Amino acid sequence: EKAANVNSSAFDHIQMKLFRSQRNLYLSGFSLFLWLVL
């Protein structure tokens, strides 16, 4: 999308989705790790 020069609202929406997916990755990863530690 960045290469295609789309408008800024679409770029912000993609950034928001990316942020949420990264947050979910950290949540599930740390939960998995702490479950093993527990």
ModelCIF file with pLDDT and N, C-alpha, C, O atoms, coordinates in Angstrom:
data_MODEL
#
_entry.id   MODEL 
#
_entity.id                         1 
_entity.type                       polymer 
_entity.pdbx_number_of_molecules   1 
#
_entity_poly.entity_id                      1 
_entity_poly.type                           'polypeptide(L)' 
_entity_poly.nstd_linkage                   no 
_entity_poly.nstd_monomer                   no 
_entity_poly.pdbx_seq_one_letter_code       EKAANVNSSAFDHIQMKLFRSQRNLYLSGFSLFLWLVL 
_entity_poly.pdbx_seq_one_letter_code_can   EKAANVNSSAFDHIQMKLFRSQRNLYLSGFSLFLWLVL 
_entity_poly.pdbx_strand_id                 A 
#
loop_
_entity_poly_seq.entity_id 
_entity_poly_seq.num 
_entity_poly_seq.mon_id 
_entity_poly_seq.hetero 
1 1  GLU n 
1 2  LYS n 
1 3  ALA n 
1 4  ALA n 
1 5  ASN n 
1 6  VAL n 
1 7  ASN n 
1 8  SER n 
1 9  SER n 
1 10 ALA n 
1 11 PHE n 
1 12 ASP n 
1 13 HIS n 
1 14 ILE n 
1 15 GLN n 
1 16 MET n 
1 17 LYS n 
1 18 LEU n 
1 19 PHE n 
1 20 ARG n 
1 21 SER n 
1 22 GLN n 
1 23 ARG n 
1 24 ASN n 
1 25 LEU n 
1 26 TYR n 
1 27 LEU n 
1 28 SER n 
1 29 GLY n 
1 30 PHE n 
1 31 SER n 
1 32 LEU n 
1 33 PHE n 
1 34 LEU n 
1 35 TRP n 
1 36 LEU n 
1 37 VAL n 
1 38 LEU n 
#
_struct_asym.id          A 
_struct_asym.entity_id   1 
#
loop_
_ma_qa_metric.id 
_ma_qa_metric.mode 
_ma_qa_metric.name 
_ma_qa_metric.software_group_id 
_ma_qa_metric.type 
1 global pLDDT . pLDDT 
2 local  pLDDT . pLDDT 
#
_ma_qa_metric_global.metric_id      1 
_ma_qa_metric_global.metric_value   83.11 
_ma_qa_metric_global.model_id       1 
_ma_qa_metric_global.ordinal_id     1 
#
loop_
_ma_qa_metric_local.label_asym_id 
_ma_qa_metric_local.label_comp_id 
_ma_qa_metric_local.label_seq_id 
_ma_qa_metric_local.metric_id 
_ma_qa_metric_local.metric_value 
_ma_qa_metric_local.model_id 
_ma_qa_metric_local.ordinal_id 
A GLU 1  2 51.00 1 1  
A LYS 2  2 54.00 1 2  
A ALA 3  2 52.00 1 3  
A ALA 4  2 53.00 1 4  
A ASN 5  2 58.00 1 5  
A VAL 6  2 54.00 1 6  
A ASN 7  2 69.00 1 7  
A SER 8  2 73.00 1 8  
A SER 9  2 79.00 1 9  
A ALA 10 2 78.00 1 10 
A PHE 11 2 77.00 1 11 
A ASP 12 2 83.00 1 12 
A HIS 13 2 84.00 1 13 
A ILE 14 2 85.00 1 14 
A GLN 15 2 86.00 1 15 
A MET 16 2 89.00 1 16 
A LYS 17 2 89.00 1 17 
A LEU 18 2 89.00 1 18 
A PHE 19 2 91.00 1 19 
A ARG 20 2 91.00 1 20 
A SER 21 2 91.00 1 21 
A GLN 22 2 92.00 1 22 
A ARG 23 2 93.00 1 23 
A ASN 24 2 93.00 1 24 
A LEU 25 2 94.00 1 25 
A TYR 26 2 94.00 1 26 
A LEU 27 2 94.00 1 27 
A SER 28 2 93.00 1 28 
A GLY 29 2 93.00 1 29 
A PHE 30 2 94.00 1 30 
A SER 31 2 94.00 1 31 
A LEU 32 2 93.00 1 32 
A PHE 33 2 94.00 1 33 
A LEU 34 2 94.00 1 34 
A TRP 35 2 92.00 1 35 
A LEU 36 2 92.00 1 36 
A VAL 37 2 93.00 1 37 
A LEU 38 2 90.00 1 38 
#
loop_
_atom_site.group_PDB 
_atom_site.id 
_atom_site.type_symbol 
_atom_site.label_atom_id 
_atom_site.label_alt_id 
_atom_site.label_comp_id 
_atom_site.label_asym_id 
_atom_site.label_entity_id 
_atom_site.label_seq_id 
_atom_site.pdbx_PDB_ins_code 
_atom_site.Cartn_x 
_atom_site.Cartn_y 
_atom_site.Cartn_z 
_atom_site.occupancy 
_atom_site.B_iso_or_equiv 
_atom_site.pdbx_formal_charge 
_atom_site.auth_seq_id 
_atom_site.auth_comp_id 
_atom_site.auth_asym_id 
_atom_site.auth_atom_id 
_atom_site.pdbx_PDB_model_num 
ATOM 1   N N  . GLU A 1 1  ? 0.825  -1.203  0.000  1.00 51.00 ? 1  GLU A N  1 
ATOM 2   C CA . GLU A 1 1  ? 0.000  0.000   0.000  1.00 51.00 ? 1  GLU A CA 1 
ATOM 3   C C  . GLU A 1 1  ? 0.858  1.251   0.000  1.00 51.00 ? 1  GLU A C  1 
ATOM 4   O O  . GLU A 1 1  ? 0.514  2.238   -0.650 1.00 51.00 ? 1  GLU A O  1 
ATOM 5   N N  . LYS A 1 2  ? 1.948  1.222   0.707  1.00 54.00 ? 2  LYS A N  1 
ATOM 6   C CA . LYS A 1 2  ? 2.818  2.392   0.744  1.00 54.00 ? 2  LYS A CA 1 
ATOM 7   C C  . LYS A 1 2  ? 3.431  2.620   -0.634 1.00 54.00 ? 2  LYS A C  1 
ATOM 8   O O  . LYS A 1 2  ? 3.592  3.761   -1.067 1.00 54.00 ? 2  LYS A O  1 
ATOM 9   N N  . ALA A 1 3  ? 3.765  1.548   -1.307 1.00 52.00 ? 3  ALA A N  1 
ATOM 10  C CA . ALA A 1 3  ? 4.349  1.665   -2.645 1.00 52.00 ? 3  ALA A CA 1 
ATOM 11  C C  . ALA A 1 3  ? 3.324  2.199   -3.637 1.00 52.00 ? 3  ALA A C  1 
ATOM 12  O O  . ALA A 1 3  ? 3.690  2.885   -4.591 1.00 52.00 ? 3  ALA A O  1 
ATOM 13  N N  . ALA A 1 4  ? 2.042  1.893   -3.427 1.00 53.00 ? 4  ALA A N  1 
ATOM 14  C CA . ALA A 1 4  ? 0.999  2.323   -4.365 1.00 53.00 ? 4  ALA A CA 1 
ATOM 15  C C  . ALA A 1 4  ? 0.526  3.753   -4.098 1.00 53.00 ? 4  ALA A C  1 
ATOM 16  O O  . ALA A 1 4  ? -0.318 4.268   -4.831 1.00 53.00 ? 4  ALA A O  1 
ATOM 17  N N  . ASN A 1 5  ? 1.058  4.397   -3.059 1.00 58.00 ? 5  ASN A N  1 
ATOM 18  C CA . ASN A 1 5  ? 0.692  5.770   -2.709 1.00 58.00 ? 5  ASN A CA 1 
ATOM 19  C C  . ASN A 1 5  ? -0.809 5.950   -2.514 1.00 58.00 ? 5  ASN A C  1 
ATOM 20  O O  . ASN A 1 5  ? -1.425 6.803   -3.154 1.00 58.00 ? 5  ASN A O  1 
ATOM 21  N N  . VAL A 1 6  ? -1.396 5.145   -1.628 1.00 54.00 ? 6  VAL A N  1 
ATOM 22  C CA . VAL A 1 6  ? -2.817 5.273   -1.342 1.00 54.00 ? 6  VAL A CA 1 
ATOM 23  C C  . VAL A 1 6  ? -3.033 6.447   -0.411 1.00 54.00 ? 6  VAL A C  1 
ATOM 24  O O  . VAL A 1 6  ? -2.080 7.008   0.131  1.00 54.00 ? 6  VAL A O  1 
ATOM 25  N N  . ASN A 1 7  ? -4.303 6.818   -0.225 1.00 69.00 ? 7  ASN A N  1 
ATOM 26  C CA . ASN A 1 7  ? -4.586 7.972   0.628  1.00 69.00 ? 7  ASN A CA 1 
ATOM 27  C C  . ASN A 1 7  ? -4.228 7.683   2.083  1.00 69.00 ? 7  ASN A C  1 
ATOM 28  O O  . ASN A 1 7  ? -4.030 6.529   2.464  1.00 69.00 ? 7  ASN A O  1 
ATOM 29  N N  . SER A 1 8  ? -4.147 8.731   2.886  1.00 73.00 ? 8  SER A N  1 
ATOM 30  C CA . SER A 1 8  ? -3.627 8.590   4.247  1.00 73.00 ? 8  SER A CA 1 
ATOM 31  C C  . SER A 1 8  ? -4.585 7.846   5.166  1.00 73.00 ? 8  SER A C  1 
ATOM 32  O O  . SER A 1 8  ? -4.134 7.183   6.101  1.00 73.00 ? 8  SER A O  1 
ATOM 33  N N  . SER A 1 9  ? -5.906 7.932   4.930  1.00 79.00 ? 9  SER A N  1 
ATOM 34  C CA . SER A 1 9  ? -6.829 7.225   5.814  1.00 79.00 ? 9  SER A CA 1 
ATOM 35  C C  . SER A 1 9  ? -6.703 5.709   5.654  1.00 79.00 ? 9  SER A C  1 
ATOM 36  O O  . SER A 1 9  ? -6.799 4.977   6.639  1.00 79.00 ? 9  SER A O  1 
ATOM 37  N N  . ALA A 1 10 ? -6.492 5.239   4.445  1.00 78.00 ? 10 ALA A N  1 
ATOM 38  C CA . ALA A 1 10 ? -6.278 3.803   4.227  1.00 78.00 ? 10 ALA A CA 1 
ATOM 39  C C  . ALA A 1 10 ? -4.957 3.363   4.850  1.00 78.00 ? 10 ALA A C  1 
ATOM 40  O O  . ALA A 1 10 ? -4.858 2.279   5.426  1.00 78.00 ? 10 ALA A O  1 
ATOM 41  N N  . PHE A 1 11 ? -3.950 4.214   4.728  1.00 77.00 ? 11 PHE A N  1 
ATOM 42  C CA . PHE A 1 11 ? -2.653 3.900   5.316  1.00 77.00 ? 11 PHE A CA 1 
ATOM 43  C C  . PHE A 1 11 ? -2.778 3.841   6.844  1.00 77.00 ? 11 PHE A C  1 
ATOM 44  O O  . PHE A 1 11 ? -2.212 2.950   7.477  1.00 77.00 ? 11 PHE A O  1 
ATOM 45  N N  . ASP A 1 12 ? -3.515 4.788   7.436  1.00 83.00 ? 12 ASP A N  1 
ATOM 46  C CA . ASP A 1 12 ? -3.728 4.786   8.886  1.00 83.00 ? 12 ASP A CA 1 
ATOM 47  C C  . ASP A 1 12 ? -4.503 3.549   9.323  1.00 83.00 ? 12 ASP A C  1 
ATOM 48  O O  . ASP A 1 12 ? -4.213 2.967   10.368 1.00 83.00 ? 12 ASP A O  1 
ATOM 49  N N  . HIS A 1 13 ? -5.488 3.147   8.522  1.00 84.00 ? 13 HIS A N  1 
ATOM 50  C CA . HIS A 1 13 ? -6.273 1.959   8.845  1.00 84.00 ? 13 HIS A CA 1 
ATOM 51  C C  . HIS A 1 13 ? -5.389 0.714   8.834  1.00 84.00 ? 13 HIS A C  1 
ATOM 52  O O  . HIS A 1 13 ? -5.513 -0.145  9.708  1.00 84.00 ? 13 HIS A O  1 
ATOM 53  N N  . ILE A 1 14 ? -4.521 0.616   7.873  1.00 85.00 ? 14 ILE A N  1 
ATOM 54  C CA . ILE A 1 14 ? -3.601 -0.528  7.800  1.00 85.00 ? 14 ILE A CA 1 
ATOM 55  C C  . ILE A 1 14 ? -2.639 -0.504  8.982  1.00 85.00 ? 14 ILE A C  1 
ATOM 56  O O  . ILE A 1 14 ? -2.337 -1.540  9.574  1.00 85.00 ? 14 ILE A O  1 
ATOM 57  N N  . GLN A 1 15 ? -2.162 0.698   9.316  1.00 86.00 ? 15 GLN A N  1 
ATOM 58  C CA . GLN A 1 15 ? -1.264 0.819   10.475 1.00 86.00 ? 15 GLN A CA 1 
ATOM 59  C C  . GLN A 1 15 ? -1.976 0.397   11.765 1.00 86.00 ? 15 GLN A C  1 
ATOM 60  O O  . GLN A 1 15 ? -1.375 -0.242  12.629 1.00 86.00 ? 15 GLN A O  1 
ATOM 61  N N  . MET A 1 16 ? -3.264 0.759   11.891 1.00 89.00 ? 16 MET A N  1 
ATOM 62  C CA . MET A 1 16 ? -4.044 0.378   13.062 1.00 89.00 ? 16 MET A CA 1 
ATOM 63  C C  . MET A 1 16 ? -4.187 -1.145  13.131 1.00 89.00 ? 16 MET A C  1 
ATOM 64  O O  . MET A 1 16 ? -4.023 -1.744  14.194 1.00 89.00 ? 16 MET A O  1 
ATOM 65  N N  . LYS A 1 17 ? -4.492 -1.756  11.996 1.00 89.00 ? 17 LYS A N  1 
ATOM 66  C CA . LYS A 1 17 ? -4.630 -3.223  11.959 1.00 89.00 ? 17 LYS A CA 1 
ATOM 67  C C  . LYS A 1 17 ? -3.299 -3.892  12.308 1.00 89.00 ? 17 LYS A C  1 
ATOM 68  O O  . LYS A 1 17 ? -3.269 -4.886  13.034 1.00 89.00 ? 17 LYS A O  1 
ATOM 69  N N  . LEU A 1 18 ? -2.209 -3.344  11.790 1.00 89.00 ? 18 LEU A N  1 
ATOM 70  C CA . LEU A 1 18 ? -0.886 -3.888  12.077 1.00 89.00 ? 18 LEU A CA 1 
ATOM 71  C C  . LEU A 1 18 ? -0.569 -3.761  13.566 1.00 89.00 ? 18 LEU A C  1 
ATOM 72  O O  . LEU A 1 18 ? -0.053 -4.700  14.174 1.00 89.00 ? 18 LEU A O  1 
ATOM 73  N N  . PHE A 1 19 ? -0.875 -2.607  14.154 1.00 91.00 ? 19 PHE A N  1 
ATOM 74  C CA . PHE A 1 19 ? -0.639 -2.406  15.580 1.00 91.00 ? 19 PHE A CA 1 
ATOM 75  C C  . PHE A 1 19 ? -1.430 -3.406  16.407 1.00 91.00 ? 19 PHE A C  1 
ATOM 76  O O  . PHE A 1 19 ? -0.889 -4.000  17.339 1.00 91.00 ? 19 PHE A O  1 
ATOM 77  N N  . ARG A 1 20 ? -2.694 -3.600  16.083 1.00 91.00 ? 20 ARG A N  1 
ATOM 78  C CA . ARG A 1 20 ? -3.530 -4.542  16.832 1.00 91.00 ? 20 ARG A CA 1 
ATOM 79  C C  . ARG A 1 20 ? -3.018 -5.970  16.697 1.00 91.00 ? 20 ARG A C  1 
ATOM 80  O O  . ARG A 1 20 ? -2.999 -6.725  17.669 1.00 91.00 ? 20 ARG A O  1 
ATOM 81  N N  . SER A 1 21 ? -2.606 -6.333  15.497 1.00 91.00 ? 21 SER A N  1 
ATOM 82  C CA . SER A 1 21 ? -2.108 -7.696  15.312 1.00 91.00 ? 21 SER A CA 1 
ATOM 83  C C  . SER A 1 21 ? -0.790 -7.903  16.060 1.00 91.00 ? 21 SER A C  1 
ATOM 84  O O  . SER A 1 21 ? -0.548 -8.983  16.599 1.00 91.00 ? 21 SER A O  1 
ATOM 85  N N  . GLN A 1 22 ? 0.065  -6.869  16.097 1.00 92.00 ? 22 GLN A N  1 
ATOM 86  C CA . GLN A 1 22 ? 1.306  -6.981  16.870 1.00 92.00 ? 22 GLN A CA 1 
ATOM 87  C C  . GLN A 1 22 ? 1.011  -7.058  18.362 1.00 92.00 ? 22 GLN A C  1 
ATOM 88  O O  . GLN A 1 22 ? 1.652  -7.823  19.083 1.00 92.00 ? 22 GLN A O  1 
ATOM 89  N N  . ARG A 1 23 ? 0.049  -6.272  18.829 1.00 93.00 ? 23 ARG A N  1 
ATOM 90  C CA . ARG A 1 23 ? -0.354 -6.328  20.236 1.00 93.00 ? 23 ARG A CA 1 
ATOM 91  C C  . ARG A 1 23 ? -0.856 -7.730  20.585 1.00 93.00 ? 23 ARG A C  1 
ATOM 92  O O  . ARG A 1 23 ? -0.504 -8.280  21.628 1.00 93.00 ? 23 ARG A O  1 
ATOM 93  N N  . ASN A 1 24 ? -1.677 -8.300  19.708 1.00 93.00 ? 24 ASN A N  1 
ATOM 94  C CA . ASN A 1 24 ? -2.202 -9.647  19.942 1.00 93.00 ? 24 ASN A CA 1 
ATOM 95  C C  . ASN A 1 24 ? -1.085 -10.686 19.943 1.00 93.00 ? 24 ASN A C  1 
ATOM 96  O O  . ASN A 1 24 ? -1.129 -11.657 20.699 1.00 93.00 ? 24 ASN A O  1 
ATOM 97  N N  . LEU A 1 25 ? -0.095 -10.475 19.098 1.00 94.00 ? 25 LEU A N  1 
ATOM 98  C CA . LEU A 1 25 ? 1.059  -11.371 19.070 1.00 94.00 ? 25 LEU A CA 1 
ATOM 99  C C  . LEU A 1 25 ? 1.789  -11.334 20.409 1.00 94.00 ? 25 LEU A C  1 
ATOM 100 O O  . LEU A 1 25 ? 2.130  -12.377 20.967 1.00 94.00 ? 25 LEU A O  1 
ATOM 101 N N  . TYR A 1 26 ? 2.021  -10.145 20.914 1.00 94.00 ? 26 TYR A N  1 
ATOM 102 C CA . TYR A 1 26 ? 2.704  -10.023 22.207 1.00 94.00 ? 26 TYR A CA 1 
ATOM 103 C C  . TYR A 1 26 ? 1.863  -10.601 23.337 1.00 94.00 ? 26 TYR A C  1 
ATOM 104 O O  . TYR A 1 26 ? 2.391  -11.290 24.209 1.00 94.00 ? 26 TYR A O  1 
ATOM 105 N N  . LEU A 1 27 ? 0.569  -10.329 23.333 1.00 94.00 ? 27 LEU A N  1 
ATOM 106 C CA . LEU A 1 27 ? -0.302 -10.869 24.378 1.00 94.00 ? 27 LEU A CA 1 
ATOM 107 C C  . LEU A 1 27 ? -0.279 -12.393 24.397 1.00 94.00 ? 27 LEU A C  1 
ATOM 108 O O  . LEU A 1 27 ? -0.101 -13.005 25.451 1.00 94.00 ? 27 LEU A O  1 
ATOM 109 N N  . SER A 1 28 ? -0.457 -12.997 23.235 1.00 93.00 ? 28 SER A N  1 
ATOM 110 C CA . SER A 1 28 ? -0.492 -14.464 23.187 1.00 93.00 ? 28 SER A CA 1 
ATOM 111 C C  . SER A 1 28 ? 0.882  -15.062 23.462 1.00 93.00 ? 28 SER A C  1 
ATOM 112 O O  . SER A 1 28 ? 0.981  -16.104 24.110 1.00 93.00 ? 28 SER A O  1 
ATOM 113 N N  . GLY A 1 29 ? 1.930  -14.428 22.986 1.00 93.00 ? 29 GLY A N  1 
ATOM 114 C CA . GLY A 1 29 ? 3.287  -14.939 23.230 1.00 93.00 ? 29 GLY A CA 1 
ATOM 115 C C  . GLY A 1 29 ? 3.663  -14.897 24.694 1.00 93.00 ? 29 GLY A C  1 
ATOM 116 O O  . GLY A 1 29 ? 4.181  -15.871 25.240 1.00 93.00 ? 29 GLY A O  1 
ATOM 117 N N  . PHE A 1 30 ? 3.401  -13.759 25.334 1.00 94.00 ? 30 PHE A N  1 
ATOM 118 C CA . PHE A 1 30 ? 3.716  -13.650 26.753 1.00 94.00 ? 30 PHE A CA 1 
ATOM 119 C C  . PHE A 1 30 ? 2.819  -14.552 27.599 1.00 94.00 ? 30 PHE A C  1 
ATOM 120 O O  . PHE A 1 30 ? 3.268  -15.102 28.604 1.00 94.00 ? 30 PHE A O  1 
ATOM 121 N N  . SER A 1 31 ? 1.570  -14.705 27.207 1.00 94.00 ? 31 SER A N  1 
ATOM 122 C CA . SER A 1 31 ? 0.684  -15.621 27.935 1.00 94.00 ? 31 SER A CA 1 
ATOM 123 C C  . SER A 1 31 ? 1.193  -17.051 27.851 1.00 94.00 ? 31 SER A C  1 
ATOM 124 O O  . SER A 1 31 ? 1.216  -17.770 28.850 1.00 94.00 ? 31 SER A O  1 
ATOM 125 N N  . LEU A 1 32 ? 1.596  -17.456 26.667 1.00 93.00 ? 32 LEU A N  1 
ATOM 126 C CA . LEU A 1 32 ? 2.146  -18.798 26.476 1.00 93.00 ? 32 LEU A CA 1 
ATOM 127 C C  . LEU A 1 32 ? 3.403  -18.987 27.315 1.00 93.00 ? 32 LEU A C  1 
ATOM 128 O O  . LEU A 1 32 ? 3.556  -20.000 27.996 1.00 93.00 ? 32 LEU A O  1 
ATOM 129 N N  . PHE A 1 33 ? 4.295  -18.013 27.262 1.00 94.00 ? 33 PHE A N  1 
ATOM 130 C CA . PHE A 1 33 ? 5.543  -18.094 28.018 1.00 94.00 ? 33 PHE A CA 1 
ATOM 131 C C  . PHE A 1 33 ? 5.276  -18.146 29.524 1.00 94.00 ? 33 PHE A C  1 
ATOM 132 O O  . PHE A 1 33 ? 5.848  -18.981 30.225 1.00 94.00 ? 33 PHE A O  1 
ATOM 133 N N  . LEU A 1 34 ? 4.419  -17.267 30.017 1.00 94.00 ? 34 LEU A N  1 
ATOM 134 C CA . LEU A 1 34 ? 4.148  -17.237 31.455 1.00 94.00 ? 34 LEU A CA 1 
ATOM 135 C C  . LEU A 1 34 ? 3.385  -18.465 31.927 1.00 94.00 ? 34 LEU A C  1 
ATOM 136 O O  . LEU A 1 34 ? 3.514  -18.861 33.085 1.00 94.00 ? 34 LEU A O  1 
ATOM 137 N N  . TRP A 1 35 ? 2.593  -19.074 31.053 1.00 92.00 ? 35 TRP A N  1 
ATOM 138 C CA . TRP A 1 35 ? 1.905  -20.303 31.430 1.00 92.00 ? 35 TRP A CA 1 
ATOM 139 C C  . TRP A 1 35 ? 2.925  -21.408 31.682 1.00 92.00 ? 35 TRP A C  1 
ATOM 140 O O  . TRP A 1 35 ? 2.793  -22.182 32.630 1.00 92.00 ? 35 TRP A O  1 
ATOM 141 N N  . LEU A 1 36 ? 3.943  -21.475 30.826 1.00 92.00 ? 36 LEU A N  1 
ATOM 142 C CA . LEU A 1 36 ? 5.005  -22.462 31.029 1.00 92.00 ? 36 LEU A CA 1 
ATOM 143 C C  . LEU A 1 36 ? 5.814  -22.136 32.283 1.00 92.00 ? 36 LEU A C  1 
ATOM 144 O O  . LEU A 1 36 ? 6.185  -23.040 33.033 1.00 92.00 ? 36 LEU A O  1 
ATOM 145 N N  . VAL A 1 37 ? 6.088  -20.854 32.516 1.00 93.00 ? 37 VAL A N  1 
ATOM 146 C CA . VAL A 1 37 ? 6.829  -20.437 33.707 1.00 93.00 ? 37 VAL A CA 1 
ATOM 147 C C  . VAL A 1 37 ? 6.026  -20.759 34.967 1.00 93.00 ? 37 VAL A C  1 
ATOM 148 O O  . VAL A 1 37 ? 6.586  -21.202 35.970 1.00 93.00 ? 37 VAL A O  1 
ATOM 149 N N  . LEU A 1 38 ? 4.728  -20.537 34.911 1.00 90.00 ? 38 LEU A N  1 
ATOM 150 C CA . LEU A 1 38 ? 3.867  -20.821 36.062 1.00 90.00 ? 38 LEU A CA 1 
ATOM 151 C C  . LEU A 1 38 ? 3.890  -22.302 36.412 1.00 90.00 ? 38 LEU A C  1 
ATOM 152 O O  . LEU A 1 38 ? 3.222  -22.724 37.356 1.00 90.00 ? 38 LEU A O  1 
#
